[in-house]
Amino acid sequence: MKVRIGERLLAKTGELYLQLRLRNKSAVERELTIKYGGQYRNAGLMLLFDVLMALAVVAVVGLVTIVLYFTTV
């Protein structure tokens, strides 16, 4: 079965994220099993969603700020 490049990229990103955040191999394995279903891809996917949600919040706050600025001037 061929693994698509997107899934491989998510898996590598998730692995790197967990290793940088936890730094302990046993802690990484425990977190991976408990929180991400034993797959680095899920950790990478959650990281991607978190980044996209943060960008969405920044965009909404910026839009509200612009609207408030032009309605009060």
Protein backbone atom coordinates (compact mmCIF):
# COMPACT_ATOMS: atom_id res chain seq x y z
CA MET A 1 0.00 0.00 0.00
CA LYS A 2 1.40 3.36 -1.03
CA VAL A 3 1.48 6.13 1.53
CA ARG A 4 0.61 9.50 0.09
CA ILE A 5 3.04 12.37 0.50
CA GLY A 6 0.53 14.41 2.54
CA GLU A 7 0.14 11.64 5.09
CA ARG A 8 3.89 11.18 5.28
CA LEU A 9 4.38 14.92 5.77
CA LEU A 10 1.76 14.99 8.54
CA ALA A 11 3.41 12.00 10.23
CA LYS A 12 6.87 13.59 10.16
CA THR A 13 5.47 16.90 11.41
CA GLY A 14 3.63 15.16 14.23
CA GLU A 15 6.71 13.18 15.20
CA LEU A 16 8.91 16.27 15.23
CA TYR A 17 6.29 18.24 17.20
CA LEU A 18 5.99 15.59 19.91
CA GLN A 19 9.74 15.10 20.16
CA LEU A 20 10.37 18.83 20.50
CA ARG A 21 7.56 19.33 22.99
CA LEU A 22 8.16 16.32 25.25
CA ARG A 23 11.85 15.44 24.64
CA ASN A 24 11.50 12.09 26.46
CA LYS A 25 10.91 9.00 24.31
CA SER A 26 8.67 7.30 26.88
CA ALA A 27 6.61 10.48 27.31
CA VAL A 28 6.28 10.76 23.53
CA GLU A 29 5.07 7.17 23.25
CA ARG A 30 2.62 7.62 26.13
CA GLU A 31 1.20 10.85 24.69
CA LEU A 32 1.02 9.31 21.23
CA THR A 33 -0.90 6.29 22.50
CA ILE A 34 -3.28 8.15 24.81
CA LYS A 35 -4.03 11.34 22.90
CA TYR A 36 -3.36 10.60 19.23
CA GLY A 37 -4.40 6.99 18.75
CA GLY A 38 -0.85 5.75 18.29
CA GLN A 39 -0.29 7.61 15.02
CA TYR A 40 2.06 10.49 14.41
CA ARG A 41 -0.20 11.53 11.53
CA ASN A 42 -2.96 12.39 14.00
CA ALA A 43 -0.56 14.55 16.01
CA GLY A 44 0.47 16.38 12.84
CA LEU A 45 -3.15 16.83 11.86
CA MET A 46 -4.04 18.30 15.24
CA LEU A 47 -1.07 20.66 14.99
CA LEU A 48 -2.22 21.75 11.53
CA PHE A 49 -5.75 22.39 12.81
CA ASP A 50 -4.40 24.38 15.75
CA VAL A 51 -2.33 26.59 13.44
CA LEU A 52 -5.27 27.12 11.07
CA MET A 53 -7.58 28.00 13.96
CA ALA A 54 -5.03 30.51 15.29
CA LEU A 55 -4.83 32.12 11.84
CA ALA A 56 -8.63 32.22 11.65
CA VAL A 57 -8.83 33.96 15.03
CA VAL A 58 -6.24 36.53 13.92
CA ALA A 59 -8.19 37.14 10.70
CA VAL A 60 -11.51 37.58 12.52
CA VAL A 61 -10.00 39.93 15.11
CA GLY A 62 -8.36 41.93 12.32
CA LEU A 63 -11.64 42.14 10.41
CA VAL A 64 -13.55 43.26 13.52
CA THR A 65 -10.86 45.84 14.24
CA ILE A 66 -11.09 47.25 10.71
CA VAL A 67 -14.87 47.38 10.85
CA LEU A 68 -14.84 49.12 14.22
CA TYR A 69 -12.22 51.57 13.05
CA PHE A 70 -14.19 52.63 9.98
CA THR A 71 -17.52 52.83 11.81
CA THR A 72 -16.16 55.06 14.57
CA VAL A 73 -14.18 57.47 12.36
